[in-house]
Structure formats: structure tokens, C-alpha cells
Amino acid sequence: MITYHFEQTKFVFRQKTLTSKWLRLVAESEIRRIGDISIIFCSDNYILDINRRYLGHDYFTDIITFDYCEGDRLSGDLFISVDSVRENSVEYGTEFKDELNRVIVHGILHLIGYDDHTEEDVKVMRSKEDYYLSLREIL
């Protein structure tokens, strides 16, 4: 089950049903099943605290993914800074909703096992993001 939560933000996410359907499609396309996934929309300060406390990093980021997967069942927590996503959408010249969807699927791809540590990893990740974003458009 995919659940949505909000921490230190007034952001309202109105596309829960569509997003859950889309993420199930992503999982099935990668031969995975949805387990327990929490998507937590939060502020920059909230995600910075998570980054410091659990990862030992002292910087802002748009997403932190905690992986609790077992076998082919995707489970985890996706902490998404709405503030950083909004800043990124301005920086990259994209619509906020498109950047938010990219970050959401990015987190799911991490749960599936994709990384973004090397240039080649980044190319594969970006290609997968683009593909799954295009699928979302037809739902």
C-alpha cells in the first residue's frame, strides 16, 4: 500500500489515486510488487534533519529514500522536500508537477535497485525516469 504524509509543509497533494496507480504500473513493469511505501512530503529543514540524523550528511536534497524491500516487494520511505523540488523546477525550467513526479519515480527506481552514483548509472536512471513519466501521461 502506498500512503502519503506531510511534515512541516502546507503542501497539498491532490493526485494520490493516479500516482498510486502509476507507481503500481512502474513496479509491475520492473517485475516487482508494491509493498508498504510511505511518501512523505516535507520542508527543506525537515529533510535536512533526516539527512543529518540518519545519513550523516549536512546538506539539503530533494529526496531521501529508505529501502525496506524484501524480494520482489517494494517497501520504503520516500522523504521529498517540496521546497527543493520547487527550486529545482525553477532552475531546470520545468513545471513543478513534472519535477515532483520525476522525484517520486526516482525514489521508486532506487527501491527497485537503480543507482545514480556513476555517469552511466545517471544515464540509465534518467532514461527510466523519462520512460515512466511518459507512461504517466497516458493514464
Protein backbone atom coordinates (compact mmCIF):
# COMPACT_ATOMS: atom_id res chain seq x y z
CA MET A 1 0.00 0.00 0.00
CA ILE A 2 1.19 3.50 -0.82
CA THR A 3 0.48 6.13 1.81
CA TYR A 4 1.04 9.87 1.71
CA HIS A 5 2.16 12.02 4.63
CA PHE A 6 3.05 15.65 5.23
CA GLU A 7 5.67 17.05 7.63
CA GLN A 8 6.33 20.76 8.19
CA THR A 9 4.65 21.76 4.92
CA LYS A 10 1.35 23.23 3.85
CA PHE A 11 1.67 21.44 0.50
CA VAL A 12 -1.46 19.59 -0.59
CA PHE A 13 -1.05 16.59 -2.91
CA ARG A 14 -4.22 16.01 -4.89
CA GLN A 15 -3.19 13.16 -7.19
CA LYS A 16 -2.85 10.29 -4.74
CA THR A 17 -5.05 7.82 -6.66
CA LEU A 18 -3.42 8.49 -10.03
CA THR A 19 0.08 8.43 -8.54
CA SER A 20 -0.55 5.14 -6.74
CA LYS A 21 -1.88 3.58 -9.96
CA TRP A 22 1.15 4.89 -11.86
CA LEU A 23 3.63 3.57 -9.30
CA ARG A 24 1.97 0.13 -9.39
CA LEU A 25 2.47 0.19 -13.17
CA VAL A 26 6.14 1.12 -12.71
CA ALA A 27 6.61 -1.73 -10.22
CA GLU A 28 4.87 -4.27 -12.47
CA SER A 29 6.95 -3.14 -15.45
CA GLU A 30 10.09 -3.90 -13.43
CA ILE A 31 8.71 -7.28 -12.25
CA ARG A 32 8.11 -6.00 -8.73
CA ARG A 33 5.13 -5.65 -6.40
CA ILE A 34 4.16 -2.72 -4.23
CA GLY A 35 4.57 -3.43 -0.54
CA ASP A 36 4.43 -0.67 2.06
CA ILE A 37 5.62 2.63 0.63
CA SER A 38 5.31 5.91 2.51
CA ILE A 39 5.75 9.11 0.55
CA ILE A 40 6.46 11.91 2.99
CA PHE A 41 6.26 15.44 1.61
CA CYS A 42 8.24 17.78 3.82
CA SER A 43 10.15 21.05 4.13
CA ASP A 44 13.84 21.65 3.41
CA ASN A 45 14.54 21.85 7.14
CA TYR A 46 12.79 18.55 7.82
CA ILE A 47 14.74 16.68 5.14
CA LEU A 48 17.98 18.33 6.28
CA ASP A 49 17.34 16.97 9.77
CA ILE A 50 16.72 13.47 8.32
CA ASN A 51 19.89 13.78 6.24
CA ARG A 52 21.99 14.78 9.26
CA ARG A 53 20.44 12.35 11.72
CA TYR A 54 20.36 9.16 9.65
CA LEU A 55 22.90 9.64 6.86
CA GLY A 56 25.47 11.96 8.43
CA HIS A 57 25.14 14.45 5.55
CA ASP A 58 24.90 18.17 6.18
CA TYR A 59 23.13 19.40 3.06
CA PHE A 60 19.70 19.87 1.51
CA THR A 61 18.40 17.40 -1.05
CA ASP A 62 15.16 16.84 -2.90
CA ILE A 63 14.67 13.20 -1.88
CA ILE A 64 15.94 10.65 0.60
CA THR A 65 14.90 7.05 0.10
CA PHE A 66 15.00 4.44 2.85
CA ASP A 67 14.81 0.95 1.38
CA TYR A 68 12.97 -1.81 3.27
CA CYS A 69 12.42 -4.08 0.24
CA GLU A 70 12.20 -7.84 0.58
CA GLY A 71 12.47 -9.97 -2.54
CA ASP A 72 10.32 -8.52 -5.29
CA ARG A 73 8.19 -6.48 -2.85
CA LEU A 74 8.97 -2.75 -2.87
CA SER A 75 8.80 -1.18 0.57
CA GLY A 76 10.37 2.00 1.86
CA ASP A 77 10.08 5.62 2.89
CA LEU A 78 10.48 8.42 0.36
CA PHE A 79 11.12 11.79 2.03
CA ILE A 80 10.57 14.52 -0.56
CA SER A 81 11.41 18.16 0.10
CA VAL A 82 8.70 20.18 -1.60
CA ASP A 83 10.91 23.28 -1.19
CA SER A 84 13.82 21.70 -3.08
CA VAL A 85 11.54 20.29 -5.78
CA ARG A 86 10.08 23.78 -6.29
CA GLU A 87 13.58 25.31 -6.52
CA ASN A 88 14.67 22.59 -8.97
CA SER A 89 11.66 23.21 -11.19
CA VAL A 90 12.68 26.87 -11.48
CA GLU A 91 16.36 26.00 -12.05
CA TYR A 92 15.58 23.39 -14.73
CA GLY A 93 12.71 25.32 -16.31
CA THR A 94 10.15 22.58 -15.67
CA GLU A 95 6.66 22.60 -14.28
CA PHE A 96 6.53 21.89 -10.54
CA LYS A 97 4.21 18.88 -11.00
CA ASP A 98 6.57 17.37 -13.60
CA GLU A 99 9.60 17.81 -11.35
CA LEU A 100 7.67 16.35 -8.41
CA ASN A 101 6.68 13.29 -10.45
CA ARG A 102 10.29 12.84 -11.58
CA VAL A 103 11.47 12.87 -7.96
CA ILE A 104 8.75 10.41 -6.91
CA VAL A 105 9.63 7.91 -9.65
CA HIS A 106 13.34 8.48 -8.91
CA GLY A 107 12.72 7.24 -5.37
CA ILE A 108 10.79 4.21 -6.63
CA LEU A 109 13.61 3.40 -9.06
CA HIS A 110 16.03 3.44 -6.11
CA LEU A 111 13.80 0.91 -4.34
CA ILE A 112 13.87 -1.24 -7.48
CA GLY A 113 17.67 -1.17 -7.36
CA TYR A 114 18.79 1.57 -9.72
CA ASP A 115 21.58 3.87 -8.55
CA ASP A 116 22.89 7.23 -9.65
CA HIS A 117 26.49 7.09 -8.44
CA THR A 118 28.28 6.96 -11.81
CA GLU A 119 27.69 8.77 -15.09
CA GLU A 120 26.41 5.54 -16.61
CA ASP A 121 24.06 4.99 -13.64
CA VAL A 122 22.72 8.52 -14.07
CA LYS A 123 22.04 7.91 -17.79
CA VAL A 124 20.13 4.72 -17.04
CA MET A 125 18.21 6.36 -14.19
CA ARG A 126 17.28 9.39 -16.34
CA SER A 127 16.17 7.13 -19.18
CA LYS A 128 13.94 5.12 -16.83
CA GLU A 129 12.53 8.32 -15.31
CA ASP A 130 11.69 9.69 -18.77
CA TYR A 131 10.08 6.43 -19.83
CA TYR A 132 7.90 6.12 -16.74
CA LEU A 133 6.96 9.81 -16.84
CA SER A 134 5.72 9.27 -20.39
CA LEU A 135 3.60 6.33 -19.18
CA ARG A 136 2.06 8.54 -16.52
CA GLU A 137 0.85 10.92 -19.21
CA ILE A 138 -1.31 8.18 -20.79
CA LEU A 139 -3.00 7.05 -17.57
